[in-house]
Protein backbone atom coordinates (compact mmCIF):
# COMPACT_ATOMS: atom_id res chain seq x y z
CA MET A 1 54.61 -23.47 -2.55
CA GLN A 2 56.07 -26.75 -3.57
CA GLU A 3 57.31 -27.33 0.10
CA ALA A 4 53.54 -27.26 1.18
CA GLY A 5 52.80 -29.69 -0.88
CA VAL A 6 55.26 -32.61 0.75
CA ALA A 7 53.69 -31.69 4.03
CA LEU A 8 50.25 -33.00 2.51
CA MET A 9 51.11 -35.93 2.28
CA ALA A 10 49.74 -35.99 6.15
CA LYS A 11 45.80 -35.82 6.58
CA SER A 12 43.38 -32.85 5.91
CA ASP A 13 40.08 -32.14 6.38
CA PRO A 14 37.79 -30.96 3.84
CA TRP A 15 39.00 -27.27 4.32
CA GLY A 16 42.26 -28.02 3.66
CA ASN A 17 43.35 -28.03 7.08
CA VAL A 18 46.56 -30.25 7.57
CA LEU A 19 45.95 -31.88 10.65
CA SER A 20 49.75 -32.94 11.23
CA TYR A 21 51.86 -35.64 9.76
CA ARG A 22 50.52 -38.10 12.72
CA PRO A 23 50.12 -37.09 16.31
CA PHE A 24 53.08 -37.09 18.57
CA ILE A 25 53.22 -40.44 20.39
CA PRO A 26 55.88 -41.11 22.83
CA ASP A 27 57.99 -44.31 22.12
CA GLU A 28 56.69 -47.23 24.66
CA LYS A 29 60.02 -47.54 26.02
CA TRP A 30 60.58 -43.61 26.90
CA ARG A 31 60.00 -42.96 30.63
CA PRO A 32 58.85 -39.70 31.83
CA PHE A 33 61.53 -37.57 33.37
CA HIS A 34 60.62 -34.78 35.84
CA PRO A 35 63.08 -32.26 35.59
CA GLU A 36 62.15 -30.52 38.71
CA LYS A 37 63.09 -33.83 40.76
CA GLU A 38 66.51 -33.63 39.15
CA LYS A 39 69.54 -32.95 41.39
CA ILE A 40 71.68 -30.64 38.63
CA THR A 41 74.71 -30.97 41.23
CA GLY A 42 77.78 -33.36 40.58
CA TRP A 43 78.02 -32.99 36.96
CA SER A 44 81.29 -31.32 35.43
CA ALA A 45 79.18 -29.31 33.27
CA ARG A 46 75.72 -28.76 31.74
CA SER A 47 74.75 -29.06 28.31
CA LEU A 48 71.84 -28.30 26.44
CA PHE A 49 71.30 -29.97 23.11
CA ILE A 50 69.65 -28.50 20.22
CA SER A 51 68.68 -30.97 17.25
CA GLN A 52 65.80 -31.86 14.98
CA MET A 53 67.87 -35.36 14.07
CA PHE A 54 67.50 -36.19 18.02
CA PRO A 55 65.07 -39.45 17.70
CA ASN A 56 61.63 -38.78 17.72
CA PRO A 57 58.48 -40.93 16.79
CA ILE A 58 57.27 -38.72 13.83
CA TYR A 59 60.35 -38.89 11.82
CA ASP A 60 63.46 -41.04 11.43
CA SER A 61 66.04 -39.57 12.97
CA GLY A 62 69.43 -39.66 13.47
CA SER A 63 70.43 -41.67 16.23
CA PHE A 64 73.83 -40.27 16.55
CA VAL A 65 73.07 -37.43 17.98
CA LEU A 66 71.76 -39.28 20.71
CA ASP A 67 74.91 -41.47 20.93
CA GLN A 68 76.74 -38.24 21.62
CA ALA A 69 74.82 -36.79 24.03
CA ARG A 70 74.71 -40.62 26.11
CA ALA A 71 78.28 -40.60 25.56
CA LEU A 72 78.70 -36.72 27.19
CA ARG A 73 77.05 -38.33 30.15
CA GLU A 74 79.10 -41.28 30.79
CA ALA A 75 82.22 -38.49 30.84
CA GLY A 76 80.22 -36.72 33.66
CA VAL A 77 78.49 -33.61 31.50
CA ASP A 78 74.72 -33.80 32.06
CA ALA A 79 73.65 -33.34 28.46
CA ARG A 80 69.88 -32.97 27.88
CA ALA A 81 68.14 -32.04 24.73
CA ILE A 82 65.41 -29.90 23.02
CA ALA A 83 63.98 -31.51 20.03
CA PRO A 84 62.07 -29.67 17.46
CA TYR A 85 59.88 -31.32 14.97
CA ARG A 86 57.88 -29.83 12.10
CA PHE A 87 54.59 -28.94 12.49
CA TRP A 88 53.14 -27.40 9.27
CA ILE A 89 50.28 -24.37 9.94
CA VAL A 90 49.13 -24.47 6.36
CA ARG A 91 45.99 -25.10 4.34
CA ASN A 92 46.18 -28.44 1.45
CA LEU A 93 46.69 -26.17 -1.32
CA ASP A 94 46.22 -29.51 -3.98
CA LEU A 95 42.40 -29.08 -3.00
CA GLY A 96 42.26 -25.79 -4.81
CA PHE A 97 42.79 -23.10 -2.30
CA PRO A 98 44.35 -19.95 -3.24
CA ALA A 99 47.60 -19.14 -2.32
CA ALA A 100 46.15 -16.06 -0.33
CA LEU A 101 44.37 -18.60 2.01
CA ALA A 102 47.06 -20.86 2.72
CA PHE A 103 47.47 -20.19 6.38
CA SER A 104 44.87 -22.10 8.77
CA PRO A 105 44.08 -20.73 11.90
CA PHE A 106 42.96 -24.52 12.50
CA THR A 107 45.99 -25.62 12.47
CA ALA A 108 47.87 -22.79 14.07
CA ALA A 109 45.27 -23.18 17.11
CA ASN A 110 46.23 -27.16 17.14
CA TYR A 111 50.17 -26.09 16.99
CA LEU A 112 49.61 -24.29 19.93
CA ARG A 113 48.18 -26.96 22.16
CA THR A 114 50.89 -29.16 21.05
CA PHE A 115 53.44 -26.98 21.95
CA HIS A 116 52.07 -26.07 25.42
CA ASP A 117 51.55 -29.95 25.93
CA ALA A 118 54.97 -30.82 25.28
CA ARG A 119 56.59 -33.34 28.41
CA TRP A 120 59.97 -34.52 29.00
CA TYR A 121 61.23 -38.04 28.65
CA ASP A 122 64.06 -40.13 29.06
CA VAL A 123 64.83 -41.00 26.09
CA GLY A 124 67.53 -43.93 25.61
CA GLY A 125 69.19 -42.33 28.91
CA VAL A 126 69.11 -38.86 27.61
CA PRO A 127 66.44 -36.40 29.01
CA ALA A 128 64.69 -34.59 26.08
CA ILE A 129 61.62 -32.46 25.02
CA HIS A 130 60.19 -32.58 21.81
CA ILE A 131 58.66 -29.44 20.70
CA PRO A 132 56.98 -28.40 17.43
CA TYR A 133 58.06 -25.84 15.58
CA PRO A 134 55.33 -23.95 12.91
CA LEU A 135 55.92 -24.08 9.09
CA LEU A 136 54.20 -22.25 6.13
CA TRP A 137 55.61 -23.24 2.82
CA SER A 138 59.33 -21.67 2.63
CA TYR A 139 62.25 -23.46 3.25
CA TRP A 140 64.42 -20.22 3.77
CA ASN A 141 62.35 -19.10 6.71
CA HIS A 142 62.66 -22.20 8.52
CA ALA A 143 65.55 -20.92 10.51
CA ASP A 144 63.44 -17.91 11.97
CA PHE A 145 60.33 -20.37 12.45
CA TYR A 146 62.22 -22.71 14.00
CA ARG A 147 64.38 -20.33 16.27
CA ARG A 148 61.31 -18.53 18.08
CA PRO A 149 59.93 -21.60 19.83
CA VAL A 150 62.95 -23.17 20.76
CA LEU A 151 63.67 -19.73 22.59
CA LYS A 152 60.79 -19.64 24.11
CA ALA A 153 60.52 -23.18 25.25
CA VAL A 154 64.49 -22.46 26.72
CA ARG A 155 62.94 -19.57 28.96
CA ASN A 156 61.16 -22.08 30.55
CA ILE A 157 63.68 -24.66 30.74
CA HIS A 158 66.79 -22.50 32.17
CA GLY A 159 64.93 -22.23 35.70
CA LEU A 160 65.05 -26.40 36.47
CA PHE A 161 68.42 -26.59 33.87
CA PRO A 162 70.91 -23.81 34.28
CA PHE A 163 72.83 -25.09 31.35
CA ASP A 164 76.66 -24.20 31.12
CA ILE A 165 77.05 -24.66 27.28
CA VAL A 166 74.32 -24.95 24.18
CA HIS A 167 75.49 -28.06 21.67
CA ALA A 168 73.76 -27.24 18.09
CA HIS A 169 73.76 -30.01 15.89
CA SER A 170 73.36 -27.79 12.57
CA THR A 171 74.66 -24.91 11.32
CA PHE A 172 71.16 -23.72 9.99
CA HIS A 173 68.15 -24.63 12.18
CA ASP A 174 70.04 -25.54 15.29
CA GLY A 175 72.62 -22.75 14.96
CA ALA A 176 70.27 -20.15 14.63
CA ALA A 177 68.51 -21.20 17.75
CA GLY A 178 71.65 -22.11 19.49
CA ALA A 179 72.77 -18.75 18.85
CA ALA A 180 69.85 -16.70 20.04
CA ILE A 181 70.13 -19.04 23.26
CA ALA A 182 73.92 -18.25 23.71
CA GLY A 183 73.40 -14.85 23.37
CA LYS A 184 70.04 -14.41 25.63
CA PHE A 185 71.80 -16.66 28.55
CA GLY A 186 75.45 -15.69 28.14
CA VAL A 187 76.59 -19.20 27.92
CA PRO A 188 79.15 -20.36 24.87
CA LEU A 189 77.69 -22.28 21.86
CA VAL A 190 78.99 -25.13 19.92
CA ILE A 191 77.83 -26.54 17.01
CA THR A 192 78.21 -29.90 15.21
CA GLU A 193 77.30 -30.25 11.60
CA HIS A 194 76.11 -33.63 10.26
CA LEU A 195 74.73 -32.45 7.11
CA GLY A 196 76.77 -33.83 3.72
CA GLU A 197 75.99 -31.62 1.78
CA VAL A 198 76.63 -28.10 2.88
CA ASP A 199 77.57 -26.69 -0.19
CA LYS A 200 73.88 -26.75 -1.20
CA LEU A 201 73.23 -24.85 1.87
CA PHE A 202 75.91 -22.05 1.11
CA SER A 203 74.94 -21.78 -2.44
CA ASP A 204 71.62 -19.96 -1.66
CA ASP A 205 72.97 -16.32 -0.15
CA ARG A 206 69.42 -16.82 1.92
CA PHE A 207 70.48 -19.61 3.96
CA ALA A 208 74.55 -18.67 3.88
CA GLY A 209 74.12 -15.63 5.53
CA VAL A 210 72.37 -17.43 8.51
CA ILE A 211 74.88 -19.91 8.47
CA ARG A 212 77.81 -17.81 8.72
CA SER A 213 76.08 -15.65 11.44
CA ASN A 214 75.69 -18.82 13.34
CA ILE A 215 79.10 -19.90 12.86
CA ALA A 216 80.33 -16.29 13.51
CA THR A 217 78.65 -16.54 16.96
CA ALA A 218 79.91 -20.07 17.93
CA SER A 219 83.24 -20.66 20.01
CA ARG A 220 84.00 -24.26 18.46
CA VAL A 221 82.42 -26.01 15.16
CA ILE A 222 82.83 -29.60 15.09
CA ALA A 223 82.70 -31.84 11.23
CA VAL A 224 82.59 -35.23 11.73
CA SER A 225 85.58 -36.05 9.04
CA ARG A 226 88.62 -34.54 7.86
CA ALA A 227 86.58 -34.20 4.35
CA HIS A 228 83.80 -32.66 5.69
CA ARG A 229 85.81 -29.87 7.73
CA ASP A 230 87.77 -29.42 4.56
CA LYS A 231 84.54 -29.29 2.75
CA LEU A 232 82.88 -26.52 5.75
CA ALA A 233 86.49 -24.72 5.68
CA GLY A 234 86.13 -24.10 2.12
CA PHE A 235 83.11 -21.43 2.97
CA LEU A 236 84.35 -19.57 5.71
CA ASP A 237 87.01 -16.94 6.56
CA GLU A 238 90.49 -17.26 8.36
CA ARG A 239 88.91 -16.53 11.72
CA ASP A 240 85.87 -19.11 11.81
CA ARG A 241 88.50 -21.75 9.99
CA ALA A 242 90.09 -21.85 12.99
CA LYS A 243 86.94 -22.86 15.54
CA LEU A 244 87.03 -25.92 13.32
CA ALA A 245 87.47 -29.50 14.98
CA VAL A 246 87.04 -33.09 13.96
CA VAL A 247 84.86 -35.21 15.83
CA PRO A 248 83.84 -38.57 14.75
CA ASN A 249 80.41 -40.11 15.47
CA CYS A 250 80.59 -42.87 18.12
CA VAL A 251 79.30 -46.35 17.88
CA ASP A 252 77.81 -48.22 21.01
CA THR A 253 79.79 -51.19 21.67
CA SER A 254 77.01 -53.07 23.75
CA VAL A 255 74.77 -52.99 20.77
CA PHE A 256 77.30 -53.43 17.53
CA TYR A 257 79.70 -56.25 18.35
CA PRO A 258 81.00 -59.59 16.49
CA SER A 259 78.50 -62.74 15.83
CA THR A 260 79.41 -65.84 17.68
CA GLY A 261 78.01 -67.77 14.84
CA PRO A 262 79.50 -70.08 11.93
CA ALA A 263 82.12 -68.52 9.66
CA PRO A 264 81.11 -67.12 6.30
CA ASP A 265 81.00 -69.32 3.13
CA LEU A 266 83.47 -68.57 1.28
CA ALA A 267 82.16 -69.84 -1.93
CA ALA A 268 78.99 -67.54 -1.04
CA PRO A 269 79.74 -64.27 0.56
CA ARG A 270 77.32 -62.17 1.49
CA PHE A 271 77.16 -58.52 0.29
CA ALA A 272 74.69 -55.74 1.88
CA PHE A 273 73.33 -52.14 1.26
CA ILE A 274 71.75 -50.84 4.24
CA GLY A 275 70.45 -47.17 4.19
CA TYR A 276 67.94 -45.07 2.46
CA PHE A 277 67.74 -45.61 -1.52
CA ARG A 278 68.22 -42.03 -2.79
CA ALA A 279 69.96 -40.76 -6.00
CA VAL A 280 73.00 -39.74 -3.38
CA LYS A 281 73.64 -43.08 -2.53
CA ASN A 282 74.43 -44.12 -6.29
CA LEU A 283 73.04 -48.01 -5.96
CA GLU A 284 72.72 -48.13 -9.50
CA LEU A 285 76.42 -48.25 -9.41
CA LEU A 286 76.40 -51.00 -6.57
CA ILE A 287 73.78 -53.29 -8.48
CA GLY A 288 76.02 -52.81 -11.82
CA ALA A 289 79.13 -53.88 -9.86
CA PHE A 290 77.74 -56.98 -8.54
CA ALA A 291 76.26 -58.06 -11.69
CA SER A 292 80.06 -57.97 -12.61
CA VAL A 293 81.41 -59.97 -9.37
CA LEU A 294 78.42 -62.52 -10.42
CA LYS A 295 80.68 -63.81 -13.23
CA SER A 296 83.72 -64.80 -10.91
CA ILE A 297 81.71 -65.50 -7.72
CA PRO A 298 78.21 -67.26 -9.14
CA ARG A 299 77.16 -67.55 -5.36
CA ALA A 300 77.25 -64.32 -4.20
CA THR A 301 74.50 -62.69 -3.22
CA LEU A 302 73.42 -59.07 -2.42
CA THR A 303 70.97 -57.85 0.09
CA MET A 304 69.27 -54.06 -0.22
CA ILE A 305 67.90 -53.05 3.15
CA GLY A 306 66.16 -49.91 3.52
CA SER A 307 63.56 -47.63 1.39
CA GLY A 308 63.16 -44.58 -0.62
CA LYS A 309 60.55 -42.15 -1.83
CA PRO A 310 58.68 -43.18 -5.11
CA SER A 311 60.21 -39.64 -6.81
CA ASP A 312 63.85 -40.36 -6.27
CA PRO A 313 65.26 -42.28 -9.48
CA SER A 314 66.75 -44.53 -7.01
CA CYS A 315 63.91 -45.76 -5.28
CA GLU A 316 63.14 -49.46 -4.65
CA GLU A 317 60.93 -49.94 -7.78
CA GLY A 318 63.66 -48.16 -10.55
CA LEU A 319 66.50 -50.41 -8.22
CA LYS A 320 64.41 -53.70 -8.74
CA ARG A 321 63.70 -52.77 -12.43
CA MET A 322 67.52 -52.78 -13.02
CA VAL A 323 68.18 -55.84 -11.14
CA GLY A 324 65.49 -57.38 -13.36
CA GLU A 325 67.48 -55.81 -16.74
CA LEU A 326 70.48 -57.23 -15.64
CA GLY A 327 68.90 -60.78 -15.06
CA ILE A 328 70.53 -61.25 -11.67
CA GLY A 329 67.26 -61.25 -9.63
CA LYS A 330 68.10 -64.65 -7.71
CA ALA A 331 71.00 -63.24 -6.28
CA VAL A 332 69.21 -59.99 -5.06
CA ARG A 333 66.99 -59.46 -2.70
CA PHE A 334 65.20 -56.47 -1.02
CA LEU A 335 64.16 -56.11 2.61
CA PRO A 336 62.32 -53.14 4.39
CA VAL A 337 64.31 -49.97 6.08
CA ILE A 338 65.34 -50.24 9.52
CA PRO A 339 64.04 -47.46 11.66
CA ALA A 340 66.75 -45.43 13.14
CA ASN A 341 66.28 -46.00 16.56
CA GLU A 342 66.09 -49.34 16.19
CA ARG A 343 69.61 -49.64 17.11
CA MET A 344 69.42 -53.45 18.25
CA LYS A 345 67.70 -54.54 15.14
CA MET A 346 69.94 -52.80 12.67
CA ALA A 347 72.95 -54.72 14.95
CA ASP A 348 71.06 -57.94 14.67
CA THR A 349 70.78 -57.40 10.82
CA ILE A 350 74.69 -56.79 10.06
CA ARG A 351 75.54 -59.50 12.01
CA ASP A 352 73.00 -61.80 10.41
CA GLU A 353 72.57 -61.00 6.93
CA CYS A 354 75.81 -60.07 5.66
CA ASP A 355 79.71 -60.90 5.42
CA ILE A 356 80.61 -57.40 3.64
CA VAL A 357 78.49 -54.29 3.98
CA VAL A 358 78.75 -51.69 1.14
CA LEU A 359 78.69 -48.02 0.58
CA THR A 360 78.40 -46.72 -2.71
CA SER A 361 77.54 -42.68 -2.27
CA ARG A 362 78.94 -39.71 -4.04
CA TYR A 363 79.72 -37.71 -0.85
CA GLU A 364 79.17 -38.79 3.08
CA SER A 365 79.78 -36.86 6.06
CA PHE A 366 80.77 -39.94 7.76
CA GLY A 367 78.89 -43.25 6.99
CA CYS A 368 77.77 -44.25 10.26
CA VAL A 369 77.04 -47.95 8.69
CA LEU A 370 80.54 -48.69 8.03
CA MET A 371 81.62 -47.86 11.57
CA GLU A 372 78.98 -49.87 13.19
CA ALA A 373 79.74 -53.05 10.71
CA LEU A 374 83.24 -52.85 11.64
CA ALA A 375 82.32 -53.28 15.52
CA CYS A 376 79.99 -56.01 14.23
CA GLY A 377 83.45 -57.55 12.85
CA LYS A 378 82.45 -57.67 9.51
CA GLN A 379 84.48 -56.53 6.20
CA VAL A 380 83.86 -53.32 4.48
CA VAL A 381 83.75 -51.71 1.08
CA SER A 382 83.17 -47.80 0.18
CA THR A 383 83.65 -45.31 -2.32
CA ARG A 384 86.24 -42.65 -1.77
CA CYS A 385 83.38 -39.91 -0.82
CA GLY A 386 84.54 -37.98 1.96
CA GLY A 387 83.98 -39.69 5.79
CA PRO A 388 84.78 -43.39 4.52
CA GLU A 389 88.27 -42.35 4.15
CA ASP A 390 88.50 -41.63 7.75
CA ILE A 391 87.04 -44.91 8.86
CA ILE A 392 88.64 -47.45 6.55
CA ASP A 393 92.45 -46.93 6.99
CA GLY A 394 94.27 -49.78 5.31
CA ASP A 395 93.03 -53.03 3.54
CA ALA A 396 93.06 -54.62 7.14
CA LYS A 397 89.92 -52.41 7.68
CA GLY A 398 88.26 -52.37 4.78
CA PHE A 399 88.77 -51.26 0.92
CA LEU A 400 88.01 -48.02 -0.98
CA CYS A 401 87.58 -47.44 -4.40
CA GLU A 402 87.31 -44.41 -6.91
CA ASN A 403 84.43 -42.64 -6.46
CA GLY A 404 81.76 -43.72 -9.27
CA SER A 405 84.00 -46.47 -10.93
CA ARG A 406 81.88 -49.87 -11.46
CA ASP A 407 85.06 -51.36 -12.58
CA ASP A 408 86.93 -50.45 -9.16
CA LEU A 409 84.03 -50.94 -7.22
CA ALA A 410 83.33 -54.57 -8.65
CA GLU A 411 87.33 -55.40 -8.28
CA LYS A 412 87.19 -54.16 -4.15
CA LEU A 413 84.10 -56.25 -3.69
CA GLU A 414 86.01 -59.50 -5.25
CA MET A 415 89.29 -58.34 -2.68
CA ALA A 416 86.75 -58.27 0.22
CA ALA A 417 85.10 -61.61 -0.90
CA SER A 418 88.54 -63.07 -1.26
CA ASN A 419 89.80 -61.71 1.92
CA LEU A 420 87.43 -63.57 4.30
CA ALA A 421 89.25 -66.60 4.80
CA GLY A 422 91.64 -64.36 6.78
CA HIS A 423 89.78 -61.62 7.97
CA ASP A 424 89.58 -61.45 12.12
CA PRO A 425 86.24 -60.26 13.03
CA LYS A 426 87.48 -59.49 16.87
CA ALA A 427 90.57 -57.50 15.70
CA ALA A 428 87.70 -55.35 13.33
CA ALA A 429 85.56 -54.75 16.44
CA ALA A 430 88.61 -53.89 18.76
CA ASP A 431 89.86 -51.69 15.87
CA ALA A 432 86.58 -49.77 15.88
CA SER A 433 85.88 -49.65 19.47
CA ALA A 434 89.61 -47.93 19.76
CA ARG A 435 88.55 -45.00 17.67
CA PHE A 436 84.92 -44.71 17.84
CA SER A 437 83.87 -46.07 20.92
CA SER A 438 81.49 -43.86 23.19
CA LYS A 439 84.09 -43.17 26.02
CA ARG A 440 86.68 -41.90 23.34
CA ILE A 441 84.04 -39.58 21.74
CA GLY A 442 82.52 -38.25 24.63
CA ASP A 443 85.72 -37.55 26.02
CA MET A 444 86.82 -35.70 22.87
CA ILE A 445 83.77 -33.69 23.06
CA HIS A 446 84.33 -32.90 26.85
CA GLU A 447 87.70 -31.58 25.94
CA ILE A 448 85.77 -28.97 23.37
CA TYR A 449 83.38 -28.10 25.93
CA LYS A 450 86.61 -26.93 28.17
CA ASP A 451 88.43 -25.41 25.57
CA ALA A 452 84.76 -23.16 25.23
CA LEU A 453 84.42 -22.59 28.10
CA SER A 454 87.97 -21.85 29.32
CA VAL A 455 87.79 -22.75 32.76
CA LYS A 456 88.78 -26.00 34.75
CA ILE A 457 85.55 -27.85 34.40
CA GLY A 458 85.98 -30.11 36.98
CA GLY A 459 83.92 -28.59 40.39
CA MET A 460 81.47 -26.41 37.75
CA GLY A 461 78.28 -28.05 39.05
CA ARG A 462 76.33 -25.40 41.13
């Protein structure tokens, strides 16, 4: 019943009925979208995204899925999204209710109302509909609870949007729904896996069987870095390994671009971490290495921008304690997390608050913040943890250190600081644009669609 307890951070009534995390209230920037009024001709193809990571107002989600959909639309593909979100239909067992009474008719009825009230919106230039999917407490059956409402919604969507291809953005939840939709409507399935620690899912047979079945249905499976592809390949048979392709995430260069402000103070370099305070980020390594850097660069500063769960040993309070114990409090500051959908705020923070962005993760499937920092003309330092090796290609683009090595990280931080004088922000930004621009990534995915459809796409619009 552990998972139910997670949901119960939400409000519940005296009878233990979970009242949902918070009501679904569309972002004020979204505009209503009316699919019945939209033309579906004139596009080279029509793609239906399935992603619980697509931006929504209830959970802080990955904007990288929105970025890919937008890139495809720029490449001539009519990409639209179904964005499911969790809706708990259980009682708060922490109030003393027995497990036999876990199911709540009240919240189930609330779920049905919410499902039928779902509406389309234009989310950052991409048409999307957010639908709830019901949950009890066992994570292993989430894929089934997820698949059913998505398939039900698609039956209604298909008449107005007869998609040519389904693009799921995880091998588990989204993959299960995508496989069902592909089978129902006879269209190809492409899956992009964003999750870094896929080995944790494959280590459990209940998850692994579902994932392998979804991948077997797919025409192509996209990983976001070479290391990520290689990790996935280790769990697949030869037939499914042949489906793997690498397409990195993309960066919106109209938002992420170099600053026109003053040059860095070479005697007081500003380091920053931007992300979530989680154990996988290994932020104790960063703080320890930065303490060493202060011995040779006493005016250096470190800004920690993010947040985490109190139950995580890398939570903010634990990190602040470590800073205090090391006696470096005057050189380290903490700023609130930047929501994933606030891209301009993220870009402004990178431009204004730091000279060097640092990532010290144990593993990353990609490392979007490094790409965004490069697009803003900043220097970057990262551990060798998978995805960053595809982003940092040579010293001119940043510095890589051995994973988990405090001494090597400290050395690379000092090297980045000493390199500030000769660093060319415009060159760094141009390189990031050449490798990760929306146009390049949109074209790469478009080619994969062409391969999956096995036809000449130009003129498919019906």
